[in-house]
N, C-alpha and C. Protein backbone atom coordinates (compact mmCIF):
# COMPACT_ATOMS: atom_id res chain seq x y z
N UNK A 1 -32.06 -35.64 22.04
CA UNK A 1 -32.52 -34.70 21.01
C UNK A 1 -32.17 -33.26 21.40
N UNK A 2 -32.41 -32.92 22.71
CA UNK A 2 -32.10 -31.58 23.17
C UNK A 2 -30.61 -31.30 23.08
N UNK A 3 -29.81 -32.29 23.41
CA UNK A 3 -28.36 -32.12 23.33
C UNK A 3 -27.93 -31.86 21.89
N UNK A 4 -28.54 -32.58 20.95
CA UNK A 4 -28.22 -32.39 19.53
C UNK A 4 -28.57 -30.98 19.08
N UNK A 5 -29.77 -30.50 19.46
CA UNK A 5 -30.20 -29.15 19.08
C UNK A 5 -29.28 -28.10 19.69
N UNK A 6 -28.88 -28.34 20.94
CA UNK A 6 -27.99 -27.39 21.62
C UNK A 6 -26.65 -27.31 20.90
N UNK A 7 -26.11 -28.45 20.50
CA UNK A 7 -24.84 -28.48 19.78
C UNK A 7 -24.98 -27.83 18.41
N UNK A 8 -26.12 -28.08 17.75
CA UNK A 8 -26.35 -27.50 16.43
C UNK A 8 -26.41 -25.98 16.52
N UNK A 9 -27.16 -25.47 17.48
CA UNK A 9 -27.28 -24.01 17.65
C UNK A 9 -25.94 -23.39 18.02
N UNK A 10 -25.19 -24.08 18.90
CA UNK A 10 -23.86 -23.59 19.28
C UNK A 10 -22.94 -23.52 18.07
N UNK A 11 -22.98 -24.56 17.24
CA UNK A 11 -22.13 -24.60 16.04
C UNK A 11 -22.49 -23.47 15.08
N UNK A 12 -23.80 -23.24 14.88
CA UNK A 12 -24.24 -22.17 13.98
C UNK A 12 -23.80 -20.81 14.51
N UNK A 13 -23.96 -20.60 15.82
CA UNK A 13 -23.56 -19.33 16.42
C UNK A 13 -22.05 -19.11 16.29
N UNK A 14 -21.27 -20.16 16.53
CA UNK A 14 -19.81 -20.04 16.42
C UNK A 14 -19.41 -19.74 14.98
N UNK A 15 -20.06 -20.41 14.02
CA UNK A 15 -19.77 -20.15 12.61
C UNK A 15 -20.09 -18.71 12.27
N UNK A 16 -21.20 -18.19 12.81
CA UNK A 16 -21.57 -16.79 12.56
C UNK A 16 -20.55 -15.82 13.12
N UNK A 17 -20.08 -16.09 14.33
CA UNK A 17 -19.07 -15.23 14.95
C UNK A 17 -17.78 -15.24 14.15
N UNK A 18 -17.35 -16.44 13.75
CA UNK A 18 -16.11 -16.56 12.95
C UNK A 18 -16.26 -15.81 11.64
N UNK A 19 -17.43 -15.93 11.00
CA UNK A 19 -17.67 -15.23 9.73
C UNK A 19 -17.57 -13.73 9.92
N UNK A 20 -18.16 -13.20 10.99
CA UNK A 20 -18.12 -11.76 11.25
C UNK A 20 -16.71 -11.28 11.51
N UNK A 21 -15.95 -12.09 12.26
CA UNK A 21 -14.56 -11.73 12.54
C UNK A 21 -13.75 -11.70 11.24
N UNK A 22 -13.92 -12.73 10.42
CA UNK A 22 -13.21 -12.79 9.14
C UNK A 22 -13.62 -11.63 8.24
N UNK A 23 -14.92 -11.31 8.23
CA UNK A 23 -15.42 -10.24 7.38
C UNK A 23 -14.82 -8.90 7.78
N UNK A 24 -14.64 -8.70 9.07
CA UNK A 24 -14.08 -7.43 9.53
C UNK A 24 -12.56 -7.39 9.38
N UNK A 25 -11.92 -8.53 9.33
CA UNK A 25 -10.46 -8.58 9.27
C UNK A 25 -9.92 -8.56 7.85
N UNK A 26 -10.62 -9.21 6.92
CA UNK A 26 -10.17 -9.25 5.54
C UNK A 26 -11.32 -8.95 4.61
N UNK A 27 -10.98 -8.65 3.37
CA UNK A 27 -11.98 -8.21 2.41
C UNK A 27 -12.54 -9.37 1.61
N UNK A 28 -13.85 -9.59 1.72
CA UNK A 28 -14.56 -10.56 0.90
C UNK A 28 -15.72 -9.86 0.20
N UNK A 29 -15.98 -10.06 -1.09
CA UNK A 29 -15.17 -10.89 -1.97
C UNK A 29 -13.83 -10.22 -2.27
N UNK A 30 -12.87 -10.98 -2.80
CA UNK A 30 -11.57 -10.40 -3.11
C UNK A 30 -11.68 -9.23 -4.08
N UNK A 31 -10.78 -8.26 -3.94
CA UNK A 31 -10.72 -7.14 -4.87
C UNK A 31 -10.10 -7.60 -6.18
N UNK A 32 -10.50 -6.95 -7.27
CA UNK A 32 -9.94 -7.29 -8.57
C UNK A 32 -9.28 -6.06 -9.17
N UNK A 33 -8.08 -6.23 -9.72
CA UNK A 33 -7.36 -5.14 -10.36
C UNK A 33 -8.03 -4.85 -11.70
N UNK A 34 -8.47 -3.61 -11.91
CA UNK A 34 -9.21 -3.29 -13.14
C UNK A 34 -8.49 -2.26 -14.01
N UNK A 35 -7.29 -1.83 -13.60
CA UNK A 35 -6.54 -0.88 -14.44
C UNK A 35 -5.08 -1.29 -14.49
N UNK A 36 -4.34 -0.63 -15.37
CA UNK A 36 -2.92 -0.96 -15.55
C UNK A 36 -2.01 -0.09 -14.70
N UNK A 37 -2.56 0.68 -13.76
CA UNK A 37 -1.75 1.66 -13.02
C UNK A 37 -0.70 1.03 -12.10
N UNK A 38 -0.86 -0.27 -11.77
CA UNK A 38 0.11 -0.92 -10.89
C UNK A 38 1.00 -1.92 -11.64
N UNK A 39 0.92 -1.93 -12.95
CA UNK A 39 1.80 -2.83 -13.72
C UNK A 39 3.24 -2.37 -13.59
N UNK A 40 4.21 -3.28 -13.65
CA UNK A 40 4.04 -4.72 -13.86
C UNK A 40 3.78 -5.51 -12.56
N UNK A 41 3.70 -4.80 -11.42
CA UNK A 41 3.52 -5.48 -10.14
C UNK A 41 2.21 -6.26 -10.09
N UNK A 42 1.12 -5.60 -10.49
CA UNK A 42 -0.21 -6.21 -10.51
C UNK A 42 -0.81 -6.05 -11.90
N UNK A 43 -1.37 -7.13 -12.41
CA UNK A 43 -1.94 -7.14 -13.75
C UNK A 43 -3.46 -6.98 -13.70
N UNK A 44 -4.03 -6.47 -14.79
CA UNK A 44 -5.49 -6.39 -14.89
C UNK A 44 -6.08 -7.79 -14.74
N UNK A 45 -7.11 -7.91 -13.91
CA UNK A 45 -7.74 -9.21 -13.65
C UNK A 45 -7.17 -9.95 -12.47
N UNK A 46 -6.02 -9.52 -11.97
CA UNK A 46 -5.43 -10.16 -10.80
C UNK A 46 -6.31 -9.88 -9.58
N UNK A 47 -6.43 -10.85 -8.69
CA UNK A 47 -7.30 -10.70 -7.52
C UNK A 47 -6.47 -10.60 -6.24
N UNK A 48 -7.04 -9.88 -5.28
CA UNK A 48 -6.33 -9.61 -4.03
C UNK A 48 -7.26 -9.82 -2.84
N UNK A 49 -6.71 -10.39 -1.79
CA UNK A 49 -7.39 -10.38 -0.50
C UNK A 49 -6.75 -9.26 0.31
N UNK A 50 -7.58 -8.40 0.85
CA UNK A 50 -7.12 -7.21 1.56
C UNK A 50 -7.23 -7.42 3.07
N UNK A 51 -6.15 -7.15 3.79
CA UNK A 51 -6.17 -7.23 5.25
C UNK A 51 -6.68 -5.90 5.80
N UNK A 52 -7.83 -5.94 6.46
CA UNK A 52 -8.38 -4.74 7.07
C UNK A 52 -7.83 -4.51 8.48
N UNK A 53 -7.31 -5.56 9.09
CA UNK A 53 -6.89 -5.46 10.49
C UNK A 53 -5.46 -4.94 10.65
N UNK A 54 -4.66 -5.00 9.59
CA UNK A 54 -3.25 -4.62 9.67
C UNK A 54 -3.05 -3.25 10.30
N UNK A 55 -3.84 -2.28 9.83
CA UNK A 55 -3.62 -0.91 10.31
C UNK A 55 -4.32 -0.60 11.62
N UNK A 56 -4.92 -1.63 12.21
CA UNK A 56 -5.36 -1.50 13.60
C UNK A 56 -4.19 -1.78 14.53
N UNK A 57 -3.19 -2.50 13.98
CA UNK A 57 -2.03 -2.90 14.76
C UNK A 57 -0.88 -1.91 14.63
N UNK A 58 -0.76 -1.27 13.48
CA UNK A 58 0.29 -0.26 13.29
C UNK A 58 -0.12 0.69 12.17
N UNK A 59 0.62 1.79 12.05
CA UNK A 59 0.30 2.79 11.04
C UNK A 59 0.69 2.29 9.64
N UNK A 60 0.04 2.83 8.59
CA UNK A 60 0.47 2.50 7.23
C UNK A 60 1.95 2.85 7.04
N UNK A 61 2.64 2.04 6.23
CA UNK A 61 4.07 2.21 6.06
C UNK A 61 4.43 2.43 4.60
N UNK A 62 5.52 3.14 4.39
CA UNK A 62 6.01 3.38 3.05
C UNK A 62 6.30 2.06 2.34
N UNK A 63 5.82 1.93 1.12
CA UNK A 63 6.02 0.71 0.35
C UNK A 63 4.83 -0.22 0.35
N UNK A 64 3.86 0.02 1.25
CA UNK A 64 2.65 -0.82 1.30
C UNK A 64 1.79 -0.61 0.05
N UNK A 65 1.19 -1.68 -0.42
CA UNK A 65 0.15 -1.59 -1.46
C UNK A 65 -1.18 -1.52 -0.72
N UNK A 66 -1.93 -0.45 -0.94
CA UNK A 66 -3.16 -0.25 -0.20
C UNK A 66 -4.36 -0.06 -1.13
N UNK A 67 -5.54 -0.42 -0.62
CA UNK A 67 -6.78 -0.05 -1.29
C UNK A 67 -7.43 1.04 -0.47
N UNK A 68 -8.09 1.97 -1.15
CA UNK A 68 -8.65 3.12 -0.47
C UNK A 68 -9.77 3.74 -1.31
N UNK A 69 -10.58 4.54 -0.65
CA UNK A 69 -11.62 5.29 -1.35
C UNK A 69 -11.02 6.60 -1.84
N UNK A 70 -11.16 6.85 -3.14
CA UNK A 70 -10.61 8.07 -3.74
C UNK A 70 -11.25 9.27 -3.06
N UNK A 71 -10.43 10.20 -2.51
CA UNK A 71 -10.98 11.31 -1.72
C UNK A 71 -12.04 12.14 -2.45
N UNK A 72 -11.85 12.37 -3.75
CA UNK A 72 -12.79 13.18 -4.52
C UNK A 72 -13.99 12.39 -5.03
N UNK A 73 -13.89 11.07 -5.02
CA UNK A 73 -14.96 10.19 -5.48
C UNK A 73 -15.03 8.98 -4.54
N UNK A 74 -15.65 9.14 -3.35
CA UNK A 74 -15.63 8.10 -2.31
C UNK A 74 -16.15 6.73 -2.73
N UNK A 75 -16.98 6.67 -3.78
CA UNK A 75 -17.50 5.38 -4.22
C UNK A 75 -16.48 4.62 -5.06
N UNK A 76 -15.43 5.31 -5.48
CA UNK A 76 -14.39 4.69 -6.31
C UNK A 76 -13.27 4.16 -5.43
N UNK A 77 -13.00 2.85 -5.52
CA UNK A 77 -11.94 2.22 -4.74
C UNK A 77 -10.72 2.02 -5.64
N UNK A 78 -9.57 2.52 -5.19
CA UNK A 78 -8.33 2.43 -5.97
C UNK A 78 -7.31 1.59 -5.22
N UNK A 79 -6.30 1.16 -5.96
CA UNK A 79 -5.17 0.44 -5.36
C UNK A 79 -3.88 1.09 -5.85
N UNK A 80 -3.04 1.51 -4.91
CA UNK A 80 -1.78 2.18 -5.22
C UNK A 80 -0.74 1.79 -4.18
N UNK A 81 0.49 2.29 -4.41
CA UNK A 81 1.56 2.06 -3.42
C UNK A 81 1.75 3.33 -2.59
N UNK A 82 1.89 3.15 -1.29
CA UNK A 82 2.07 4.27 -0.38
C UNK A 82 3.53 4.74 -0.44
N UNK A 83 3.72 6.03 -0.73
CA UNK A 83 5.06 6.57 -0.93
C UNK A 83 5.43 7.60 0.12
N UNK A 84 4.53 8.55 0.39
CA UNK A 84 4.84 9.64 1.31
C UNK A 84 3.99 9.60 2.57
N UNK A 85 4.62 9.90 3.71
CA UNK A 85 3.95 9.88 5.01
C UNK A 85 3.58 11.29 5.46
N UNK A 86 2.68 11.42 6.43
CA UNK A 86 2.29 12.74 6.91
C UNK A 86 3.49 13.59 7.32
N UNK A 87 3.46 14.87 6.92
CA UNK A 87 4.54 15.79 7.27
C UNK A 87 5.68 15.83 6.27
N UNK A 88 5.73 14.88 5.35
CA UNK A 88 6.78 14.84 4.33
C UNK A 88 6.29 15.53 3.05
N UNK A 89 7.20 15.68 2.11
CA UNK A 89 6.83 16.09 0.75
C UNK A 89 7.60 15.21 -0.23
N UNK A 90 7.02 15.03 -1.41
CA UNK A 90 7.58 14.12 -2.41
C UNK A 90 8.08 14.91 -3.61
N UNK A 91 9.27 14.57 -4.05
CA UNK A 91 9.84 15.18 -5.25
C UNK A 91 10.25 14.07 -6.21
N UNK A 92 10.02 14.29 -7.49
CA UNK A 92 10.51 13.37 -8.53
C UNK A 92 11.40 14.19 -9.46
N UNK A 93 12.63 13.73 -9.61
CA UNK A 93 13.59 14.43 -10.45
C UNK A 93 14.33 13.42 -11.30
N UNK A 94 14.19 13.54 -12.61
CA UNK A 94 14.82 12.63 -13.56
C UNK A 94 14.48 11.18 -13.23
N UNK A 95 13.23 10.94 -12.88
CA UNK A 95 12.74 9.58 -12.63
C UNK A 95 12.98 9.06 -11.23
N UNK A 96 13.78 9.77 -10.45
CA UNK A 96 14.11 9.34 -9.09
C UNK A 96 13.18 10.02 -8.09
N UNK A 97 12.68 9.24 -7.10
CA UNK A 97 11.80 9.79 -6.08
C UNK A 97 12.60 10.15 -4.83
N UNK A 98 12.38 11.37 -4.35
CA UNK A 98 13.05 11.86 -3.14
C UNK A 98 11.98 12.24 -2.12
N UNK A 99 12.18 11.79 -0.88
CA UNK A 99 11.29 12.13 0.22
C UNK A 99 11.94 13.21 1.07
N UNK A 100 11.29 14.38 1.14
CA UNK A 100 11.76 15.47 1.99
C UNK A 100 11.09 15.31 3.35
N UNK A 101 11.87 14.95 4.35
CA UNK A 101 11.35 14.63 5.67
C UNK A 101 11.20 15.90 6.52
N UNK A 102 10.45 15.77 7.61
CA UNK A 102 10.17 16.92 8.47
C UNK A 102 11.42 17.52 9.09
N UNK A 103 12.45 16.68 9.31
CA UNK A 103 13.67 17.18 9.94
C UNK A 103 14.62 17.84 8.95
N UNK A 104 14.19 17.96 7.68
CA UNK A 104 15.02 18.61 6.67
C UNK A 104 15.88 17.66 5.85
N UNK A 105 15.97 16.41 6.26
CA UNK A 105 16.77 15.45 5.51
C UNK A 105 16.00 14.98 4.27
N UNK A 106 16.74 14.46 3.31
CA UNK A 106 16.15 14.00 2.05
C UNK A 106 16.48 12.52 1.88
N UNK A 107 15.45 11.73 1.64
CA UNK A 107 15.61 10.28 1.49
C UNK A 107 15.34 9.87 0.04
N UNK A 108 16.37 9.44 -0.70
CA UNK A 108 16.13 8.92 -2.06
C UNK A 108 15.61 7.49 -1.97
N UNK A 109 14.58 7.18 -2.74
CA UNK A 109 14.00 5.84 -2.68
C UNK A 109 14.60 4.95 -3.76
N UNK A 110 14.95 3.74 -3.36
CA UNK A 110 15.37 2.71 -4.31
C UNK A 110 14.12 1.93 -4.72
N UNK A 111 13.58 2.22 -5.90
CA UNK A 111 12.34 1.61 -6.35
C UNK A 111 12.55 0.61 -7.48
N UNK A 112 13.78 0.19 -7.67
CA UNK A 112 14.07 -0.73 -8.77
C UNK A 112 13.33 -2.05 -8.62
N UNK A 113 12.90 -2.37 -7.40
CA UNK A 113 12.20 -3.62 -7.14
C UNK A 113 10.83 -3.66 -7.80
N UNK A 114 10.17 -2.50 -7.89
CA UNK A 114 8.79 -2.52 -8.39
C UNK A 114 8.49 -1.52 -9.51
N UNK A 115 9.37 -0.56 -9.79
CA UNK A 115 9.13 0.38 -10.89
C UNK A 115 10.05 0.05 -12.05
N UNK A 116 9.47 -0.30 -13.18
CA UNK A 116 10.27 -0.66 -14.34
C UNK A 116 10.45 0.51 -15.31
N UNK A 117 9.48 1.45 -15.30
CA UNK A 117 9.56 2.63 -16.17
C UNK A 117 9.38 3.87 -15.31
N UNK A 118 10.48 4.49 -14.86
CA UNK A 118 10.39 5.66 -14.00
C UNK A 118 9.61 6.80 -14.66
N UNK A 119 9.12 7.71 -13.83
CA UNK A 119 8.34 8.84 -14.34
C UNK A 119 9.16 9.68 -15.30
N UNK A 120 8.54 10.06 -16.41
CA UNK A 120 9.21 10.92 -17.39
C UNK A 120 9.09 12.40 -17.03
N UNK A 121 8.21 12.71 -16.06
CA UNK A 121 7.98 14.10 -15.68
C UNK A 121 8.50 14.37 -14.27
N UNK A 122 9.11 15.53 -14.10
CA UNK A 122 9.53 15.94 -12.77
C UNK A 122 8.31 16.39 -11.96
N UNK A 123 8.45 16.38 -10.66
CA UNK A 123 7.32 16.73 -9.79
C UNK A 123 7.84 17.25 -8.46
N UNK A 124 7.19 18.28 -7.92
CA UNK A 124 7.50 18.78 -6.59
C UNK A 124 6.20 18.97 -5.82
N UNK A 125 5.99 18.16 -4.77
CA UNK A 125 4.74 18.20 -4.03
C UNK A 125 4.79 19.10 -2.81
N UNK A 126 3.60 19.41 -2.30
CA UNK A 126 3.48 20.19 -1.08
C UNK A 126 3.63 19.25 0.13
N UNK A 127 3.70 19.84 1.32
CA UNK A 127 3.77 19.06 2.55
C UNK A 127 2.48 18.25 2.70
N UNK A 128 2.64 16.96 3.00
CA UNK A 128 1.50 16.07 3.16
C UNK A 128 0.81 16.37 4.50
N UNK A 129 -0.51 16.61 4.48
CA UNK A 129 -1.22 16.96 5.72
C UNK A 129 -1.16 15.84 6.76
N UNK A 130 -1.44 16.20 8.00
CA UNK A 130 -1.48 15.24 9.09
C UNK A 130 -2.55 14.18 8.81
N UNK A 131 -2.21 12.92 9.11
CA UNK A 131 -3.13 11.78 8.92
C UNK A 131 -3.52 11.56 7.46
N UNK A 132 -2.67 12.01 6.54
CA UNK A 132 -2.91 11.75 5.12
C UNK A 132 -1.64 11.17 4.49
N UNK A 133 -1.81 10.51 3.33
CA UNK A 133 -0.71 9.78 2.72
C UNK A 133 -0.65 10.05 1.22
N UNK A 134 0.56 10.01 0.70
CA UNK A 134 0.82 10.24 -0.73
C UNK A 134 1.00 8.88 -1.40
N UNK A 135 0.24 8.63 -2.46
CA UNK A 135 0.30 7.33 -3.13
C UNK A 135 0.60 7.50 -4.62
N UNK A 136 1.23 6.48 -5.20
CA UNK A 136 1.47 6.45 -6.64
C UNK A 136 1.30 5.03 -7.14
N UNK A 137 0.93 4.91 -8.41
CA UNK A 137 0.92 3.61 -9.05
C UNK A 137 2.32 3.24 -9.49
N UNK A 138 2.62 1.94 -9.51
CA UNK A 138 3.96 1.50 -9.96
C UNK A 138 4.18 1.80 -11.44
N UNK A 139 3.11 1.87 -12.21
CA UNK A 139 3.18 2.22 -13.62
C UNK A 139 3.17 3.75 -13.70
N UNK A 140 4.31 4.35 -13.39
CA UNK A 140 4.40 5.78 -13.15
C UNK A 140 3.91 6.67 -14.29
N UNK A 141 4.03 6.19 -15.51
CA UNK A 141 3.63 7.01 -16.65
C UNK A 141 2.20 6.73 -17.11
N UNK A 142 1.48 5.92 -16.35
CA UNK A 142 0.08 5.62 -16.68
C UNK A 142 -0.71 5.40 -15.40
N UNK A 143 -0.68 6.39 -14.52
CA UNK A 143 -1.36 6.27 -13.23
C UNK A 143 -1.88 7.63 -12.78
N UNK A 144 -3.16 7.68 -12.43
CA UNK A 144 -3.75 8.88 -11.83
C UNK A 144 -3.64 8.72 -10.32
N UNK A 145 -2.81 9.53 -9.69
CA UNK A 145 -2.52 9.34 -8.27
C UNK A 145 -2.31 10.67 -7.57
N UNK A 146 -1.58 10.67 -6.46
CA UNK A 146 -1.43 11.88 -5.65
C UNK A 146 -0.70 13.00 -6.38
N UNK A 147 -0.05 12.71 -7.47
CA UNK A 147 0.60 13.76 -8.25
C UNK A 147 -0.40 14.72 -8.87
N UNK A 148 -1.68 14.31 -8.91
CA UNK A 148 -2.71 15.19 -9.50
C UNK A 148 -3.33 16.12 -8.46
N UNK A 149 -2.82 16.10 -7.22
CA UNK A 149 -3.24 17.11 -6.26
C UNK A 149 -4.02 16.63 -5.05
N UNK A 150 -4.18 15.32 -4.87
CA UNK A 150 -4.89 14.84 -3.69
C UNK A 150 -4.03 13.84 -2.92
N UNK A 151 -4.29 13.74 -1.63
CA UNK A 151 -3.66 12.73 -0.79
C UNK A 151 -4.77 11.91 -0.14
N UNK A 152 -4.41 10.79 0.46
CA UNK A 152 -5.40 9.85 1.00
C UNK A 152 -5.53 10.01 2.51
N UNK A 153 -6.70 10.46 3.00
CA UNK A 153 -6.90 10.51 4.45
C UNK A 153 -6.86 9.11 5.05
N UNK A 154 -6.36 9.00 6.27
CA UNK A 154 -6.27 7.70 6.94
C UNK A 154 -7.63 7.00 6.96
N UNK A 155 -8.69 7.74 7.16
CA UNK A 155 -10.03 7.14 7.26
C UNK A 155 -10.50 6.53 5.93
N UNK A 156 -9.87 6.93 4.83
CA UNK A 156 -10.25 6.40 3.52
C UNK A 156 -9.56 5.08 3.18
N UNK A 157 -8.52 4.73 3.95
CA UNK A 157 -7.79 3.50 3.66
C UNK A 157 -8.60 2.29 4.11
N UNK A 158 -8.83 1.37 3.19
CA UNK A 158 -9.59 0.15 3.48
C UNK A 158 -8.68 -0.90 4.10
N UNK A 159 -7.50 -1.10 3.52
CA UNK A 159 -6.58 -2.09 4.05
C UNK A 159 -5.35 -2.27 3.19
N UNK A 160 -4.55 -3.23 3.58
CA UNK A 160 -3.28 -3.53 2.90
C UNK A 160 -3.42 -4.82 2.10
N UNK A 161 -2.91 -4.78 0.88
CA UNK A 161 -2.94 -5.99 0.04
C UNK A 161 -2.18 -7.11 0.75
N UNK A 162 -2.78 -8.30 0.75
CA UNK A 162 -2.21 -9.41 1.53
C UNK A 162 -1.87 -10.59 0.65
N UNK A 163 -2.87 -11.19 0.02
CA UNK A 163 -2.66 -12.37 -0.83
C UNK A 163 -3.16 -12.05 -2.23
N UNK A 164 -2.46 -12.55 -3.23
CA UNK A 164 -2.83 -12.28 -4.61
C UNK A 164 -2.77 -13.54 -5.46
N UNK A 165 -3.57 -13.60 -6.49
CA UNK A 165 -3.53 -14.71 -7.45
C UNK A 165 -4.11 -14.26 -8.77
N UNK A 166 -3.77 -14.99 -9.83
CA UNK A 166 -4.28 -14.69 -11.16
C UNK A 166 -5.42 -15.62 -11.51
N UNK A 167 -5.28 -16.90 -11.20
CA UNK A 167 -6.37 -17.85 -11.45
C UNK A 167 -6.38 -18.92 -10.36
N UNK A 168 -7.60 -19.41 -10.06
CA UNK A 168 -7.76 -20.45 -9.04
C UNK A 168 -7.47 -21.82 -9.65
N UNK A 169 -8.01 -22.05 -10.84
CA UNK A 169 -7.77 -23.33 -11.51
C UNK A 169 -7.59 -23.10 -13.00
N UNK A 170 -6.43 -23.44 -13.55
CA UNK A 170 -5.29 -24.00 -12.80
C UNK A 170 -4.67 -22.94 -11.89
N UNK A 171 -4.11 -23.36 -10.74
CA UNK A 171 -3.50 -22.40 -9.81
C UNK A 171 -2.40 -21.60 -10.50
N UNK A 172 -2.49 -20.29 -10.43
CA UNK A 172 -1.50 -19.45 -11.09
C UNK A 172 -1.33 -18.14 -10.32
N UNK A 173 -0.09 -17.80 -10.06
CA UNK A 173 0.22 -16.51 -9.47
C UNK A 173 -0.11 -16.36 -8.00
N UNK A 174 -0.33 -17.46 -7.30
CA UNK A 174 -0.65 -17.37 -5.87
C UNK A 174 0.57 -16.93 -5.08
N UNK A 175 0.37 -16.05 -4.12
CA UNK A 175 1.47 -15.64 -3.25
C UNK A 175 1.10 -14.42 -2.44
N UNK A 176 2.02 -13.98 -1.60
CA UNK A 176 1.81 -12.76 -0.83
C UNK A 176 1.91 -11.56 -1.76
N UNK A 177 1.10 -10.55 -1.51
CA UNK A 177 1.14 -9.33 -2.32
C UNK A 177 2.53 -8.70 -2.19
N UNK A 178 3.04 -8.14 -3.29
CA UNK A 178 4.41 -7.60 -3.28
C UNK A 178 4.52 -6.23 -2.64
N UNK A 179 4.21 -6.15 -1.34
CA UNK A 179 4.51 -4.94 -0.58
C UNK A 179 6.02 -4.83 -0.49
N UNK A 180 6.52 -3.63 -0.23
CA UNK A 180 7.97 -3.45 -0.20
C UNK A 180 8.36 -2.73 1.09
N UNK A 181 9.18 -3.37 1.90
CA UNK A 181 9.67 -2.74 3.13
C UNK A 181 11.02 -2.09 2.83
N UNK A 182 11.07 -0.78 2.95
CA UNK A 182 12.32 -0.08 2.69
C UNK A 182 13.32 -0.36 3.80
N UNK A 183 14.61 -0.39 3.48
CA UNK A 183 15.62 -0.60 4.52
C UNK A 183 15.50 0.49 5.59
N UNK A 184 16.01 0.20 6.77
CA UNK A 184 15.98 1.17 7.86
C UNK A 184 16.58 2.49 7.38
N UNK A 185 15.84 3.58 7.61
CA UNK A 185 16.30 4.88 7.14
C UNK A 185 17.47 5.34 8.00
N UNK A 186 18.58 5.60 7.35
CA UNK A 186 19.80 5.94 8.07
C UNK A 186 19.84 7.43 8.39
N UNK A 187 20.54 7.78 9.47
CA UNK A 187 20.70 9.20 9.76
C UNK A 187 21.83 9.77 8.92
N UNK A 188 22.00 11.07 8.96
CA UNK A 188 22.95 11.73 8.04
C UNK A 188 24.38 11.23 8.24
N UNK A 189 24.78 10.91 9.47
CA UNK A 189 26.14 10.42 9.71
C UNK A 189 26.34 9.06 9.07
N UNK A 190 25.33 8.19 9.20
CA UNK A 190 25.45 6.84 8.65
C UNK A 190 25.49 6.85 7.12
N UNK A 191 24.97 7.95 6.51
CA UNK A 191 24.96 8.03 5.06
C UNK A 191 26.30 8.48 4.49
N UNK A 192 27.20 8.96 5.34
CA UNK A 192 28.50 9.40 4.85
C UNK A 192 29.33 8.21 4.36
N UNK A 193 30.15 8.41 3.32
CA UNK A 193 31.04 7.34 2.85
C UNK A 193 32.00 6.90 3.96
N UNK A 194 32.38 5.63 3.93
CA UNK A 194 33.27 5.10 4.96
C UNK A 194 34.59 5.87 5.02
N UNK A 195 35.07 6.36 3.89
CA UNK A 195 36.34 7.09 3.86
C UNK A 195 36.25 8.37 4.68
N UNK A 196 35.07 9.02 4.66
CA UNK A 196 34.89 10.23 5.44
C UNK A 196 34.66 9.90 6.92
N UNK A 197 33.96 8.82 7.19
CA UNK A 197 33.72 8.40 8.56
C UNK A 197 35.04 8.17 9.30
N UNK A 198 36.03 7.64 8.57
CA UNK A 198 37.31 7.33 9.19
C UNK A 198 38.05 8.61 9.63
N UNK A 199 37.67 9.76 9.00
CA UNK A 199 38.35 11.01 9.34
C UNK A 199 37.67 11.75 10.48
N UNK A 200 36.49 11.29 10.91
CA UNK A 200 35.75 12.00 11.95
C UNK A 200 36.34 11.74 13.35
């Protein structure tokens, strides 16, 4: 009888520890998309499991879909795509997004993978403060985001979108969240056309 009780208590304690670890690593209950700001990538009613542990392992990266507390309204949790990193500035010209980096170089973003309707308005942002990030919704013409004058402090980021689905039964839309890893950023020499490289 004592052995049974000991095993039962051990099992309960282990289950509790596992639950706490899972609770700290991922978001339960799953987050639900409640606006159209990330369409067509994420639809209203779509659910997400958020990885809280990802950014303990590395810094947030350009192209990540993140959930965060809105800086001006901390009780409001939003979901957007991370576009600009600390020290950079963001420009939008004729629908194209350009990242002005600290070293003076300019990186044009290829967003055809997730933006179907580019921004109709031009934009020129200020330098992003240290430990803060510039975010935008994929639905560029229907999203309240960093273009309105705020950036996201690192401490406000809850986590990175990990798994998404539309319905449990029947199973629909299950898969990894559509984060986007940009190709390795090339230096200015690598960006030159091959014809010019041959003359160097």
